Amino acid sequence: MRQTELRRTAFKRTMPTEPKPSPGPRKRTCKACKTKFQPFRSIEAWCSPECGLIVAKERLAKQEAKKDRERKQALKSRRDWMKDAQVAVNAYVRERDHDLPCISCGKWFDGTWQAGHYLSRGARPNLALDERNIAKQCMPCNVHLSGNQAAFRIGLIARIGLEEVERLEADHSPRKFDADELKAIRDEYRLKLKKLKEGK
């Protein structure tokens, strides 16, 4: 029986490759002077001790401003929250009615537009934040004509219908929002205003 001749293969020794040096942190923009620099550590946000001091002062000022806002928020009364909520609702209504004339006189006005209430806040405080009860109104109608209510009603019927206006007029349900509810209403209408502007 013939024996198969085994051949030896040459052994190649592979030398270990040296690891590539780390490129280090990428260049960043200094938060103080806005120039590009090479940081030694990835967390560095300034290019020099002087700029570092500026950044530290700015951060401290922001922290103090935040604490100050929180202190003011804690001291707010329900009346303050009601004012904030009304401002937010009114701003939304003015933007909602941006392309419409005055609800009462049907005219365009060169001055500052206001958010008028069909049923006044004094007589019907329960509807003060109800957007159905509020529309963009010119200053002469809102201020000089005390809301021009009769014409307001006609304009409101044209927009939301007689049935909805009568439902609004019949709504005497008491609503006295607490501070948390008023804050939620403020935030809701700020968000609605933002989305309304973004959609245009």
N, C-alpha and C. Protein backbone atom coordinates (compact mmCIF):
# COMPACT_ATOMS: atom_id res chain seq x y z
N MET A 1 0.85 -1.19 0.00
CA MET A 1 0.00 0.00 0.00
C MET A 1 0.88 1.23 0.00
N ARG A 2 0.53 2.13 -0.97
CA ARG A 2 1.35 3.34 -1.06
C ARG A 2 0.99 4.33 0.02
N GLN A 3 2.01 4.87 0.60
CA GLN A 3 1.77 5.88 1.64
C GLN A 3 1.76 7.27 1.00
N THR A 4 0.77 8.04 1.40
CA THR A 4 0.66 9.42 0.86
C THR A 4 1.69 10.30 1.55
N GLU A 5 2.42 11.01 0.72
CA GLU A 5 3.48 11.87 1.26
C GLU A 5 2.86 13.17 1.77
N LEU A 6 3.10 13.44 2.98
CA LEU A 6 2.57 14.67 3.59
C LEU A 6 3.54 15.82 3.37
N ARG A 7 3.01 16.92 2.89
CA ARG A 7 3.88 18.09 2.66
C ARG A 7 3.68 19.11 3.78
N ARG A 8 4.76 19.62 4.13
CA ARG A 8 4.70 20.66 5.17
C ARG A 8 4.48 22.01 4.52
N THR A 9 3.56 22.76 5.12
CA THR A 9 3.33 24.13 4.62
C THR A 9 4.13 25.11 5.45
N ALA A 10 4.58 26.11 4.76
CA ALA A 10 5.40 27.11 5.46
C ALA A 10 4.54 27.87 6.47
N PHE A 11 5.06 28.04 7.65
CA PHE A 11 4.34 28.75 8.73
C PHE A 11 4.70 30.23 8.66
N LYS A 12 3.64 31.06 8.50
CA LYS A 12 3.87 32.50 8.45
C LYS A 12 3.48 33.10 9.79
N ARG A 13 4.44 33.73 10.34
CA ARG A 13 4.17 34.37 11.64
C ARG A 13 3.67 35.79 11.38
N THR A 14 2.46 36.06 11.92
CA THR A 14 1.89 37.42 11.77
C THR A 14 2.23 38.25 12.99
N MET A 15 2.76 39.37 12.72
CA MET A 15 3.13 40.28 13.81
C MET A 15 1.90 41.07 14.24
N PRO A 16 1.69 41.21 15.54
CA PRO A 16 0.53 42.00 16.02
C PRO A 16 0.62 43.45 15.56
N THR A 17 -0.52 43.95 15.08
CA THR A 17 -0.55 45.34 14.62
C THR A 17 -0.73 46.27 15.81
N GLU A 18 -0.07 47.39 15.73
CA GLU A 18 -0.19 48.37 16.82
C GLU A 18 -1.54 49.07 16.72
N PRO A 19 -2.19 49.25 17.86
CA PRO A 19 -3.49 49.95 17.83
C PRO A 19 -3.34 51.38 17.34
N LYS A 20 -4.36 51.83 16.59
CA LYS A 20 -4.31 53.19 16.10
C LYS A 20 -4.51 54.17 17.26
N PRO A 21 -3.78 55.23 17.24
CA PRO A 21 -3.96 56.20 18.34
C PRO A 21 -5.34 56.82 18.29
N SER A 22 -5.89 57.04 19.46
CA SER A 22 -7.23 57.64 19.55
C SER A 22 -7.18 59.07 19.03
N PRO A 23 -8.16 59.44 18.18
CA PRO A 23 -8.14 60.80 17.64
C PRO A 23 -8.43 61.88 18.68
N GLY A 24 -8.98 61.44 19.85
CA GLY A 24 -9.31 62.41 20.89
C GLY A 24 -10.62 63.12 20.60
N PRO A 25 -11.06 63.97 21.52
CA PRO A 25 -12.33 64.68 21.32
C PRO A 25 -12.31 65.56 20.08
N ARG A 26 -13.45 65.66 19.44
CA ARG A 26 -13.54 66.52 18.26
C ARG A 26 -13.51 67.99 18.68
N LYS A 27 -13.18 68.81 17.71
CA LYS A 27 -13.18 70.24 17.98
C LYS A 27 -14.59 70.71 18.33
N ARG A 28 -14.63 71.66 19.22
CA ARG A 28 -15.91 72.20 19.65
C ARG A 28 -15.91 73.71 19.53
N THR A 29 -17.11 74.29 19.65
CA THR A 29 -17.25 75.74 19.64
C THR A 29 -17.35 76.24 21.07
N CYS A 30 -16.49 77.17 21.41
CA CYS A 30 -16.49 77.72 22.77
C CYS A 30 -17.81 78.42 23.03
N LYS A 31 -18.43 78.12 24.16
CA LYS A 31 -19.74 78.71 24.50
C LYS A 31 -19.64 80.19 24.84
N ALA A 32 -18.43 80.67 25.09
CA ALA A 32 -18.27 82.08 25.45
C ALA A 32 -17.89 82.93 24.24
N CYS A 33 -16.77 82.59 23.58
CA CYS A 33 -16.28 83.42 22.48
C CYS A 33 -16.64 82.89 21.09
N LYS A 34 -17.25 81.67 21.05
CA LYS A 34 -17.75 81.07 19.81
C LYS A 34 -16.65 80.66 18.83
N THR A 35 -15.41 80.58 19.26
CA THR A 35 -14.33 80.11 18.39
C THR A 35 -14.18 78.60 18.51
N LYS A 36 -13.62 77.96 17.46
CA LYS A 36 -13.37 76.52 17.48
C LYS A 36 -12.12 76.24 18.30
N PHE A 37 -12.14 75.16 19.09
CA PHE A 37 -10.97 74.79 19.87
C PHE A 37 -10.92 73.28 20.04
N GLN A 38 -9.74 72.78 20.40
CA GLN A 38 -9.55 71.35 20.61
C GLN A 38 -9.60 71.05 22.11
N PRO A 39 -10.67 70.44 22.59
CA PRO A 39 -10.76 70.16 24.04
C PRO A 39 -9.89 68.98 24.43
N PHE A 40 -9.41 69.00 25.67
CA PHE A 40 -8.65 67.86 26.20
C PHE A 40 -9.61 66.77 26.65
N ARG A 41 -10.78 67.19 27.12
CA ARG A 41 -11.82 66.25 27.53
C ARG A 41 -13.13 66.59 26.83
N SER A 42 -13.96 65.57 26.62
CA SER A 42 -15.19 65.77 25.84
C SER A 42 -16.19 66.68 26.55
N ILE A 43 -16.04 66.85 27.85
CA ILE A 43 -17.01 67.66 28.60
C ILE A 43 -16.67 69.15 28.58
N GLU A 44 -15.50 69.51 28.07
CA GLU A 44 -15.09 70.91 28.08
C GLU A 44 -15.93 71.72 27.09
N ALA A 45 -16.39 72.87 27.54
CA ALA A 45 -17.25 73.72 26.70
C ALA A 45 -16.64 75.10 26.49
N TRP A 46 -15.42 75.32 26.94
CA TRP A 46 -14.77 76.61 26.78
C TRP A 46 -13.31 76.41 26.38
N CYS A 47 -12.75 77.42 25.76
CA CYS A 47 -11.41 77.30 25.19
C CYS A 47 -10.30 77.80 26.10
N SER A 48 -10.63 78.53 27.14
CA SER A 48 -9.61 79.11 28.02
C SER A 48 -10.21 79.34 29.41
N PRO A 49 -9.36 79.52 30.41
CA PRO A 49 -9.88 79.81 31.76
C PRO A 49 -10.78 81.04 31.80
N GLU A 50 -10.42 82.05 31.00
CA GLU A 50 -11.22 83.28 30.97
C GLU A 50 -12.65 82.99 30.44
N CYS A 51 -12.70 82.21 29.35
CA CYS A 51 -14.01 81.85 28.80
C CYS A 51 -14.77 80.91 29.75
N GLY A 52 -14.01 80.06 30.45
CA GLY A 52 -14.62 79.17 31.43
C GLY A 52 -15.32 79.94 32.54
N LEU A 53 -14.69 81.04 32.95
CA LEU A 53 -15.28 81.88 33.99
C LEU A 53 -16.56 82.54 33.49
N ILE A 54 -16.55 82.98 32.23
CA ILE A 54 -17.74 83.60 31.65
C ILE A 54 -18.89 82.59 31.59
N VAL A 55 -18.59 81.37 31.14
CA VAL A 55 -19.61 80.32 31.05
C VAL A 55 -20.17 79.98 32.42
N ALA A 56 -19.27 79.90 33.42
CA ALA A 56 -19.70 79.58 34.78
C ALA A 56 -20.64 80.65 35.33
N LYS A 57 -20.33 81.92 35.05
CA LYS A 57 -21.18 83.02 35.51
C LYS A 57 -22.55 82.98 34.84
N GLU A 58 -22.55 82.67 33.53
CA GLU A 58 -23.82 82.59 32.80
C GLU A 58 -24.69 81.47 33.35
N ARG A 59 -24.07 80.32 33.64
CA ARG A 59 -24.82 79.19 34.18
C ARG A 59 -25.38 79.52 35.56
N LEU A 60 -24.58 80.19 36.36
CA LEU A 60 -25.04 80.58 37.69
C LEU A 60 -26.19 81.57 37.60
N ALA A 61 -26.10 82.51 36.65
CA ALA A 61 -27.18 83.49 36.47
C ALA A 61 -28.48 82.80 36.05
N LYS A 62 -28.37 81.79 35.17
CA LYS A 62 -29.56 81.04 34.74
C LYS A 62 -30.19 80.28 35.89
N GLN A 63 -29.34 79.69 36.73
CA GLN A 63 -29.84 78.96 37.89
C GLN A 63 -30.57 79.89 38.85
N GLU A 64 -29.98 81.08 39.07
CA GLU A 64 -30.61 82.05 39.96
C GLU A 64 -31.93 82.56 39.39
N ALA A 65 -31.96 82.77 38.05
CA ALA A 65 -33.19 83.23 37.40
C ALA A 65 -34.28 82.17 37.53
N LYS A 66 -33.90 80.90 37.38
CA LYS A 66 -34.88 79.81 37.51
C LYS A 66 -35.43 79.75 38.93
N LYS A 67 -34.55 79.89 39.93
CA LYS A 67 -35.00 79.88 41.32
C LYS A 67 -35.92 81.06 41.60
N ASP A 68 -35.59 82.21 41.00
CA ASP A 68 -36.40 83.41 41.19
C ASP A 68 -37.80 83.22 40.60
N ARG A 69 -37.86 82.59 39.40
CA ARG A 69 -39.16 82.30 38.79
C ARG A 69 -39.97 81.35 39.64
N GLU A 70 -39.30 80.35 40.19
CA GLU A 70 -40.00 79.38 41.04
C GLU A 70 -40.53 80.03 42.30
N ARG A 71 -39.75 80.97 42.86
CA ARG A 71 -40.22 81.69 44.06
C ARG A 71 -41.45 82.53 43.73
N LYS A 72 -41.41 83.21 42.59
CA LYS A 72 -42.55 84.05 42.18
C LYS A 72 -43.79 83.20 41.91
N GLN A 73 -43.56 82.03 41.28
CA GLN A 73 -44.69 81.13 41.01
C GLN A 73 -45.35 80.69 42.31
N ALA A 74 -44.51 80.41 43.32
CA ALA A 74 -45.04 79.93 44.60
C ALA A 74 -45.84 81.02 45.32
N LEU A 75 -45.52 82.29 45.03
CA LEU A 75 -46.19 83.40 45.70
C LEU A 75 -47.43 83.89 44.96
N LYS A 76 -47.70 83.34 43.78
CA LYS A 76 -48.84 83.79 42.98
C LYS A 76 -50.17 83.46 43.65
N SER A 77 -51.08 84.40 43.55
CA SER A 77 -52.44 84.19 44.08
C SER A 77 -53.32 83.60 42.98
N ARG A 78 -54.52 83.19 43.35
CA ARG A 78 -55.46 82.69 42.34
C ARG A 78 -55.78 83.78 41.32
N ARG A 79 -55.86 85.01 41.78
CA ARG A 79 -56.13 86.13 40.88
C ARG A 79 -55.02 86.27 39.84
N ASP A 80 -53.77 86.08 40.26
CA ASP A 80 -52.64 86.14 39.33
C ASP A 80 -52.73 85.04 38.28
N TRP A 81 -53.09 83.82 38.73
CA TRP A 81 -53.21 82.70 37.80
C TRP A 81 -54.37 82.93 36.84
N MET A 82 -55.44 83.54 37.32
CA MET A 82 -56.58 83.84 36.47
C MET A 82 -56.18 84.83 35.37
N LYS A 83 -55.39 85.80 35.75
CA LYS A 83 -54.91 86.79 34.77
C LYS A 83 -54.05 86.11 33.71
N ASP A 84 -53.15 85.24 34.14
CA ASP A 84 -52.28 84.52 33.20
C ASP A 84 -53.11 83.67 32.23
N ALA A 85 -54.11 82.97 32.77
CA ALA A 85 -54.96 82.12 31.94
C ALA A 85 -55.74 82.97 30.93
N GLN A 86 -56.26 84.11 31.38
CA GLN A 86 -57.03 84.98 30.49
C GLN A 86 -56.16 85.53 29.37
N VAL A 87 -54.94 85.91 29.70
CA VAL A 87 -54.01 86.42 28.69
C VAL A 87 -53.75 85.35 27.62
N ALA A 88 -53.56 84.11 28.07
CA ALA A 88 -53.28 83.01 27.14
C ALA A 88 -54.48 82.73 26.24
N VAL A 89 -55.68 82.69 26.82
CA VAL A 89 -56.90 82.43 26.03
C VAL A 89 -57.13 83.57 25.03
N ASN A 90 -56.97 84.81 25.49
CA ASN A 90 -57.19 85.97 24.61
C ASN A 90 -56.21 85.98 23.44
N ALA A 91 -54.95 85.64 23.72
CA ALA A 91 -53.93 85.61 22.66
C ALA A 91 -54.29 84.56 21.61
N TYR A 92 -54.77 83.42 22.08
CA TYR A 92 -55.18 82.36 21.15
C TYR A 92 -56.35 82.83 20.28
N VAL A 93 -57.34 83.46 20.91
CA VAL A 93 -58.54 83.91 20.17
C VAL A 93 -58.16 84.94 19.11
N ARG A 94 -57.30 85.88 19.46
CA ARG A 94 -56.89 86.90 18.47
C ARG A 94 -56.20 86.25 17.27
N GLU A 95 -55.38 85.24 17.54
CA GLU A 95 -54.71 84.54 16.44
C GLU A 95 -55.70 83.68 15.65
N ARG A 96 -56.63 83.04 16.36
CA ARG A 96 -57.66 82.23 15.70
C ARG A 96 -58.48 83.06 14.72
N ASP A 97 -58.78 84.31 15.13
CA ASP A 97 -59.61 85.20 14.31
C ASP A 97 -58.77 86.16 13.47
N HIS A 98 -57.52 85.85 13.30
CA HIS A 98 -56.58 86.76 12.62
C HIS A 98 -57.10 87.26 11.28
N ASP A 99 -57.70 86.37 10.50
CA ASP A 99 -58.14 86.73 9.15
C ASP A 99 -59.59 87.20 9.10
N LEU A 100 -60.16 87.45 10.26
CA LEU A 100 -61.56 87.90 10.33
C LEU A 100 -61.64 89.35 10.80
N PRO A 101 -62.66 90.09 10.37
CA PRO A 101 -62.82 91.48 10.85
C PRO A 101 -63.41 91.49 12.26
N CYS A 102 -63.71 92.66 12.76
CA CYS A 102 -64.31 92.80 14.09
C CYS A 102 -65.63 92.04 14.15
N ILE A 103 -65.82 91.28 15.22
CA ILE A 103 -67.03 90.46 15.39
C ILE A 103 -68.29 91.31 15.44
N SER A 104 -68.18 92.56 15.89
CA SER A 104 -69.36 93.41 16.08
C SER A 104 -69.67 94.28 14.86
N CYS A 105 -68.71 95.11 14.46
CA CYS A 105 -68.98 96.06 13.37
C CYS A 105 -68.61 95.51 12.00
N GLY A 106 -67.88 94.40 11.97
CA GLY A 106 -67.52 93.79 10.69
C GLY A 106 -66.48 94.57 9.92
N LYS A 107 -65.80 95.51 10.59
CA LYS A 107 -64.80 96.35 9.91
C LYS A 107 -63.39 95.93 10.32
N TRP A 108 -62.43 96.39 9.52
CA TRP A 108 -61.02 96.19 9.85
C TRP A 108 -60.53 97.41 10.60
N PHE A 109 -59.56 97.20 11.47
CA PHE A 109 -59.12 98.24 12.40
C PHE A 109 -57.60 98.35 12.32
N ASP A 110 -57.08 99.58 12.26
CA ASP A 110 -55.63 99.80 12.12
C ASP A 110 -54.89 99.73 13.45
N GLY A 111 -55.62 99.80 14.56
CA GLY A 111 -54.97 99.79 15.87
C GLY A 111 -54.75 98.39 16.41
N THR A 112 -54.62 98.30 17.72
CA THR A 112 -54.40 97.01 18.39
C THR A 112 -55.72 96.30 18.59
N TRP A 113 -55.80 95.08 18.06
CA TRP A 113 -57.02 94.28 18.22
C TRP A 113 -57.14 93.76 19.64
N GLN A 114 -58.37 93.62 20.10
CA GLN A 114 -58.62 93.12 21.44
C GLN A 114 -59.43 91.83 21.38
N ALA A 115 -59.45 91.11 22.49
CA ALA A 115 -60.29 89.92 22.61
C ALA A 115 -61.51 90.31 23.43
N GLY A 116 -62.63 90.50 22.75
CA GLY A 116 -63.85 90.95 23.43
C GLY A 116 -64.70 89.79 23.88
N HIS A 117 -65.40 89.98 24.99
CA HIS A 117 -66.32 88.97 25.52
C HIS A 117 -67.75 89.34 25.16
N TYR A 118 -68.48 88.38 24.62
CA TYR A 118 -69.90 88.61 24.32
C TYR A 118 -70.67 88.81 25.63
N LEU A 119 -70.57 87.85 26.52
CA LEU A 119 -71.14 87.98 27.87
C LEU A 119 -69.99 88.40 28.77
N SER A 120 -70.10 89.58 29.35
CA SER A 120 -68.96 90.20 30.04
C SER A 120 -68.45 89.35 31.21
N ARG A 121 -67.17 89.55 31.50
CA ARG A 121 -66.55 88.81 32.61
C ARG A 121 -67.16 89.21 33.95
N GLY A 122 -67.60 90.47 34.07
CA GLY A 122 -68.22 90.91 35.32
C GLY A 122 -69.56 90.24 35.56
N ALA A 123 -70.38 90.15 34.50
CA ALA A 123 -71.72 89.57 34.63
C ALA A 123 -71.69 88.05 34.61
N ARG A 124 -70.79 87.48 33.81
CA ARG A 124 -70.73 86.01 33.66
C ARG A 124 -69.30 85.52 33.82
N PRO A 125 -68.76 85.59 35.02
CA PRO A 125 -67.37 85.16 35.23
C PRO A 125 -67.13 83.68 34.90
N ASN A 126 -68.21 82.90 34.93
CA ASN A 126 -68.07 81.47 34.62
C ASN A 126 -67.68 81.23 33.16
N LEU A 127 -67.90 82.25 32.30
CA LEU A 127 -67.60 82.12 30.86
C LEU A 127 -66.39 82.95 30.44
N ALA A 128 -65.66 83.46 31.42
CA ALA A 128 -64.53 84.35 31.11
C ALA A 128 -63.47 83.66 30.26
N LEU A 129 -63.29 82.35 30.45
CA LEU A 129 -62.24 81.61 29.73
C LEU A 129 -62.81 80.71 28.64
N ASP A 130 -64.09 80.86 28.36
CA ASP A 130 -64.75 80.04 27.35
C ASP A 130 -64.51 80.68 25.98
N GLU A 131 -63.76 80.02 25.11
CA GLU A 131 -63.40 80.62 23.82
C GLU A 131 -64.61 80.86 22.92
N ARG A 132 -65.75 80.19 23.17
CA ARG A 132 -66.96 80.47 22.39
C ARG A 132 -67.48 81.87 22.68
N ASN A 133 -67.18 82.36 23.88
CA ASN A 133 -67.69 83.65 24.35
C ASN A 133 -66.76 84.81 23.99
N ILE A 134 -65.64 84.50 23.32
CA ILE A 134 -64.62 85.50 23.05
C ILE A 134 -64.34 85.57 21.55
N ALA A 135 -64.14 86.77 21.04
CA ALA A 135 -63.82 86.94 19.62
C ALA A 135 -62.95 88.19 19.45
N LYS A 136 -62.24 88.23 18.34
CA LYS A 136 -61.43 89.41 18.04
C LYS A 136 -62.34 90.60 17.81
N GLN A 137 -61.99 91.70 18.45
CA GLN A 137 -62.87 92.88 18.39
C GLN A 137 -62.02 94.15 18.33
N CYS A 138 -62.52 95.14 17.61
CA CYS A 138 -61.77 96.41 17.54
C CYS A 138 -61.94 97.18 18.84
N MET A 139 -61.02 98.09 19.10
CA MET A 139 -61.07 98.86 20.34
C MET A 139 -62.32 99.74 20.44
N PRO A 140 -62.73 100.43 19.36
CA PRO A 140 -63.95 101.26 19.48
C PRO A 140 -65.16 100.46 19.95
N CYS A 141 -65.35 99.24 19.41
CA CYS A 141 -66.50 98.43 19.82
C CYS A 141 -66.33 97.91 21.25
N ASN A 142 -65.12 97.44 21.57
CA ASN A 142 -64.89 96.80 22.87
C ASN A 142 -64.85 97.81 24.01
N VAL A 143 -64.24 98.96 23.75
CA VAL A 143 -64.05 99.94 24.83
C VAL A 143 -65.10 101.06 24.77
N HIS A 144 -65.16 101.74 23.63
CA HIS A 144 -66.04 102.92 23.53
C HIS A 144 -67.52 102.55 23.51
N LEU A 145 -67.83 101.35 22.98
CA LEU A 145 -69.23 100.92 22.92
C LEU A 145 -69.52 99.81 23.93
N SER A 146 -68.64 99.65 24.90
CA SER A 146 -68.81 98.66 25.99
C SER A 146 -69.10 97.25 25.46
N GLY A 147 -68.40 96.88 24.41
CA GLY A 147 -68.56 95.54 23.86
C GLY A 147 -69.50 95.44 22.68
N ASN A 148 -70.31 96.52 22.46
CA ASN A 148 -71.26 96.53 21.33
C ASN A 148 -71.99 95.18 21.27
N GLN A 149 -72.65 94.84 22.36
CA GLN A 149 -73.16 93.48 22.57
C GLN A 149 -74.19 93.03 21.55
N ALA A 150 -75.10 93.91 21.18
CA ALA A 150 -76.16 93.51 20.22
C ALA A 150 -75.55 93.10 18.89
N ALA A 151 -74.61 93.91 18.41
CA ALA A 151 -73.94 93.57 17.15
C ALA A 151 -73.03 92.36 17.33
N PHE A 152 -72.45 92.23 18.51
CA PHE A 152 -71.60 91.07 18.83
C PHE A 152 -72.43 89.79 18.67
N ARG A 153 -73.66 89.81 19.19
CA ARG A 153 -74.52 88.62 19.12
C ARG A 153 -74.81 88.22 17.67
N ILE A 154 -75.07 89.22 16.84
CA ILE A 154 -75.35 88.94 15.43
C ILE A 154 -74.13 88.31 14.76
N GLY A 155 -72.96 88.88 15.05
CA GLY A 155 -71.73 88.35 14.47
C GLY A 155 -71.42 86.95 14.98
N LEU A 156 -71.71 86.71 16.26
CA LEU A 156 -71.43 85.40 16.85
C LEU A 156 -72.36 84.33 16.27
N ILE A 157 -73.62 84.69 16.05
CA ILE A 157 -74.57 83.75 15.44
C ILE A 157 -74.09 83.37 14.04
N ALA A 158 -73.58 84.36 13.31
CA ALA A 158 -73.09 84.09 11.95
C ALA A 158 -71.92 83.12 11.96
N ARG A 159 -71.15 83.12 13.06
CA ARG A 159 -69.95 82.28 13.11
C ARG A 159 -70.20 80.91 13.72
N ILE A 160 -70.93 80.85 14.83
CA ILE A 160 -71.07 79.55 15.51
C ILE A 160 -72.50 79.03 15.51
N GLY A 161 -73.45 79.84 15.02
CA GLY A 161 -74.83 79.39 14.93
C GLY A 161 -75.69 79.81 16.12
N LEU A 162 -76.98 79.98 15.89
CA LEU A 162 -77.91 80.43 16.92
C LEU A 162 -78.00 79.44 18.08
N GLU A 163 -78.02 78.15 17.75
CA GLU A 163 -78.15 77.13 18.80
C GLU A 163 -77.00 77.20 19.79
N GLU A 164 -75.79 77.39 19.27
CA GLU A 164 -74.62 77.45 20.15
C GLU A 164 -74.63 78.73 20.98
N VAL A 165 -75.06 79.84 20.39
CA VAL A 165 -75.14 81.10 21.12
C VAL A 165 -76.17 81.00 22.24
N GLU A 166 -77.31 80.40 21.97
CA GLU A 166 -78.34 80.24 23.01
C GLU A 166 -77.87 79.29 24.11
N ARG A 167 -77.12 78.29 23.74
CA ARG A 167 -76.56 77.38 24.74
C ARG A 167 -75.57 78.13 25.64
N LEU A 168 -74.80 79.01 25.03
CA LEU A 168 -73.86 79.84 25.78
C LEU A 168 -74.60 80.77 26.73
N GLU A 169 -75.65 81.39 26.26
CA GLU A 169 -76.44 82.33 27.07
C GLU A 169 -77.12 81.63 28.24
N ALA A 170 -77.46 80.36 28.05
CA ALA A 170 -78.15 79.61 29.10
C ALA A 170 -77.20 78.95 30.10
N ASP A 171 -75.92 79.07 29.83
CA ASP A 171 -74.92 78.41 30.68
C ASP A 171 -74.66 79.25 31.93
N HIS A 172 -75.23 78.85 33.05
CA HIS A 172 -75.00 79.54 34.32
C HIS A 172 -74.27 78.62 35.31
N SER A 173 -73.71 77.55 34.82
CA SER A 173 -73.02 76.61 35.72
C SER A 173 -71.82 77.30 36.36
N PRO A 174 -71.71 77.17 37.69
CA PRO A 174 -70.60 77.85 38.38
C PRO A 174 -69.25 77.21 38.03
N ARG A 175 -68.27 78.06 37.75
CA ARG A 175 -66.92 77.58 37.49
C ARG A 175 -65.95 78.48 38.25
N LYS A 176 -65.34 77.90 39.25
CA LYS A 176 -64.31 78.65 39.96
C LYS A 176 -63.07 77.77 40.00
N PHE A 177 -62.20 78.02 39.04
CA PHE A 177 -61.00 77.20 38.90
C PHE A 177 -60.00 77.50 40.01
N ASP A 178 -59.33 76.45 40.48
CA ASP A 178 -58.26 76.67 41.45
C ASP A 178 -56.97 76.98 40.70
N ALA A 179 -55.91 77.25 41.44
CA ALA A 179 -54.64 77.67 40.83
C ALA A 179 -54.09 76.64 39.86
N ASP A 180 -54.15 75.37 40.22
CA ASP A 180 -53.63 74.31 39.34
C ASP A 180 -54.43 74.22 38.05
N GLU A 181 -55.75 74.38 38.14
CA GLU A 181 -56.59 74.32 36.94
C GLU A 181 -56.32 75.52 36.03
N LEU A 182 -56.13 76.69 36.63
CA LEU A 182 -55.84 77.88 35.84
C LEU A 182 -54.48 77.77 35.16
N LYS A 183 -53.53 77.20 35.86
CA LYS A 183 -52.21 76.99 35.26
C LYS A 183 -52.31 76.03 34.08
N ALA A 184 -53.13 75.00 34.23
CA ALA A 184 -53.32 74.02 33.14
C ALA A 184 -54.00 74.68 31.93
N ILE A 185 -54.97 75.56 32.19
CA ILE A 185 -55.65 76.27 31.10
C ILE A 185 -54.66 77.19 30.39
N ARG A 186 -53.85 77.89 31.17
CA ARG A 186 -52.83 78.76 30.56
C ARG A 186 -51.91 77.97 29.65
N ASP A 187 -51.40 76.85 30.15
CA ASP A 187 -50.47 76.03 29.37
C ASP A 187 -51.15 75.44 28.14
N GLU A 188 -52.41 75.05 28.29
CA GLU A 188 -53.16 74.47 27.16
C GLU A 188 -53.30 75.48 26.03
N TYR A 189 -53.66 76.72 26.37
CA TYR A 189 -53.88 77.72 25.32
C TYR A 189 -52.58 78.28 24.77
N ARG A 190 -51.53 78.26 25.55
CA ARG A 190 -50.22 78.61 24.99
C ARG A 190 -49.81 77.59 23.93
N LEU A 191 -50.07 76.32 24.22
CA LEU A 191 -49.74 75.26 23.27
C LEU A 191 -50.62 75.36 22.03
N LYS A 192 -51.92 75.64 22.22
CA LYS A 192 -52.83 75.78 21.08
C LYS A 192 -52.41 76.95 20.19
N LEU A 193 -51.97 78.03 20.82
CA LEU A 193 -51.51 79.19 20.05
C LEU A 193 -50.26 78.84 19.24
N LYS A 194 -49.34 78.12 19.87
CA LYS A 194 -48.11 77.72 19.19
C LYS A 194 -48.42 76.85 17.97
N LYS A 195 -49.30 75.88 18.15
CA LYS A 195 -49.66 74.98 17.05
C LYS A 195 -50.39 75.75 15.94
N LEU A 196 -51.21 76.71 16.34
CA LEU A 196 -51.94 77.52 15.35
C LEU A 196 -50.98 78.32 14.49
N LYS A 197 -49.97 78.91 15.12
CA LYS A 197 -48.97 79.69 14.38
C LYS A 197 -48.11 78.81 13.49
N GLU A 198 -47.76 77.63 14.00
CA GLU A 198 -46.93 76.72 13.22
C GLU A 198 -47.68 76.19 12.00
N GLY A 199 -49.01 76.11 12.10
CA GLY A 199 -49.81 75.59 11.00
C GLY A 199 -50.03 76.57 9.87
N LYS A 200 -49.61 77.82 10.10
CA LYS A 200 -49.86 78.86 9.06
C LYS A 200 -48.66 78.97 8.13
